[in-house]
Amino acid sequence: MYGNITYICKKAFQDMRLSIDEQARFDARLPKEQKQFFEKAAFLGGYRNLTDFVIKAAQEKAREIIREKEKVIASERDSEIFFDAITNPIKPSENLKKALDDYNAFVAKTENDND
């Protein structure tokens, strides 16, 4: 399920790394009122210009979305790992068996000493 998302994210990040030194242009068409609204927010927010405001806002939203989706992906992966461990437990090693025997002997001795 998360394999496709993981592949897409990895591919996007690889593409981003390849073009870090390159500049790209981003144009958007929007209603005049919306542009004025954004310009007002940029001015009131202390941004140098509308471009800085839009880039900052979009970057913050992008980080929020990516962080949330990565949490979901990790959560799904953790659930699968946990469920697999519960349904397909590994056999205890000899050291673990010995530790259990030592613990049981200690508990039994402690109970006998208290009687």
Protein backbone atom coordinates (compact mmCIF):
# COMPACT_ATOMS: atom_id res chain seq x y z
CA MET A 1 0.00 0.00 0.00
CA TYR A 2 2.63 2.55 0.99
CA GLY A 3 5.14 1.22 -1.52
CA ASN A 4 3.82 3.41 -4.34
CA ILE A 5 3.77 6.52 -2.16
CA THR A 6 7.29 5.83 -0.95
CA TYR A 7 8.51 5.39 -4.54
CA ILE A 8 6.83 8.60 -5.67
CA CYS A 9 8.32 10.55 -2.73
CA LYS A 10 11.81 9.12 -3.30
CA LYS A 11 11.60 9.95 -7.01
CA ALA A 12 10.44 13.51 -6.29
CA PHE A 13 13.26 14.07 -3.80
CA GLN A 14 15.83 12.65 -6.23
CA ASP A 15 14.55 14.98 -8.93
CA MET A 16 14.70 17.91 -6.48
CA ARG A 17 18.30 17.10 -5.51
CA LEU A 18 19.36 17.02 -9.15
CA SER A 19 18.07 20.53 -9.74
CA ILE A 20 18.96 22.27 -6.46
CA ASP A 21 21.35 24.70 -8.19
CA GLU A 22 18.95 25.34 -11.05
CA GLN A 23 16.32 28.06 -10.92
CA ALA A 24 12.78 27.40 -12.06
CA ARG A 25 9.89 29.67 -12.83
CA PHE A 26 6.41 29.27 -11.37
CA ASP A 27 3.52 31.28 -12.82
CA ALA A 28 -0.06 31.30 -11.63
CA ARG A 29 -3.23 32.88 -12.94
CA LEU A 30 -5.61 34.12 -10.28
CA PRO A 31 -8.41 36.64 -9.91
CA LYS A 32 -7.34 40.24 -9.30
CA GLU A 33 -9.09 40.30 -5.92
CA GLN A 34 -7.20 37.23 -4.76
CA LYS A 35 -3.89 38.74 -5.82
CA GLN A 36 -4.70 41.93 -3.91
CA PHE A 37 -5.65 39.85 -0.89
CA PHE A 38 -2.32 38.00 -1.02
CA GLU A 39 -0.43 41.28 -1.51
CA LYS A 40 -2.09 42.73 1.57
CA ALA A 41 -1.16 39.65 3.61
CA ALA A 42 2.42 39.84 2.31
CA PHE A 43 2.68 43.51 3.26
CA LEU A 44 1.12 43.02 6.70
CA GLY A 45 3.31 39.96 7.27
CA GLY A 46 6.46 41.95 6.57
CA TYR A 47 7.48 40.08 3.45
CA ARG A 48 9.63 41.83 0.85
CA ASN A 49 7.20 41.02 -1.92
CA LEU A 50 4.36 38.78 -3.02
CA THR A 51 6.72 36.14 -4.37
CA ASP A 52 8.46 35.72 -0.99
CA PHE A 53 5.07 35.45 0.72
CA VAL A 54 3.68 32.87 -1.70
CA ILE A 55 6.86 30.77 -1.63
CA LYS A 56 7.01 30.82 2.17
CA ALA A 57 3.31 29.95 2.55
CA ALA A 58 3.47 27.18 -0.03
CA GLN A 59 6.67 25.76 1.47
CA GLU A 60 5.18 25.68 4.98
CA LYS A 61 2.03 23.96 3.71
CA ALA A 62 4.09 21.49 1.68
CA ARG A 63 6.18 20.60 4.75
CA GLU A 64 3.01 20.13 6.82
CA ILE A 65 1.46 17.82 4.21
CA ILE A 66 4.64 15.79 3.73
CA ARG A 67 5.22 15.47 7.48
CA GLU A 68 1.63 14.26 8.01
CA LYS A 69 1.74 11.77 5.14
CA GLU A 70 5.12 10.42 6.27
CA LYS A 71 3.65 9.93 9.76
CA VAL A 72 0.79 7.93 8.28
CA ILE A 73 3.17 5.86 6.16
CA ALA A 74 5.41 5.17 9.18
CA SER A 75 2.36 4.35 11.30
CA GLU A 76 1.09 1.87 8.70
CA ARG A 77 4.56 0.30 8.45
CA ASP A 78 4.83 0.08 12.26
CA SER A 79 1.39 -1.55 12.43
CA GLU A 80 2.39 -4.14 9.86
CA ILE A 81 5.66 -4.89 11.68
CA PHE A 82 3.86 -5.17 15.04
CA PHE A 83 1.08 -7.36 13.65
CA ASP A 84 3.64 -9.59 11.93
CA ALA A 85 5.61 -9.94 15.18
CA ILE A 86 2.45 -10.92 17.08
CA THR A 87 1.18 -13.39 14.50
CA ASN A 88 4.59 -14.84 13.58
CA PRO A 89 6.67 -14.72 16.75
CA ILE A 90 10.27 -15.83 16.54
CA LYS A 91 11.34 -18.76 18.70
CA PRO A 92 13.19 -17.80 21.88
CA SER A 93 16.95 -18.21 21.81
CA GLU A 94 18.79 -20.46 24.27
CA ASN A 95 19.97 -17.38 26.18
CA LEU A 96 16.39 -16.16 26.54
CA LYS A 97 15.22 -19.60 27.71
CA LYS A 98 18.03 -19.66 30.28
CA ALA A 99 17.14 -16.16 31.47
CA LEU A 100 13.52 -17.27 31.95
CA ASP A 101 14.63 -20.35 33.89
CA ASP A 102 16.88 -18.18 36.08
CA TYR A 103 14.04 -15.73 36.68
CA ASN A 104 11.57 -18.49 37.57
CA ALA A 105 14.11 -20.05 39.96
CA PHE A 106 14.69 -16.64 41.59
CA VAL A 107 10.95 -16.01 42.00
CA ALA A 108 10.39 -19.48 43.41
CA LYS A 109 13.27 -19.02 45.89
CA THR A 110 11.94 -15.59 46.93
CA GLU A 111 8.45 -17.00 47.49
CA ASN A 112 9.88 -19.89 49.57
CA ASP A 113 11.97 -17.48 51.66
CA ASN A 114 8.86 -15.39 52.42
CA ASP A 115 6.83 -18.41 53.62
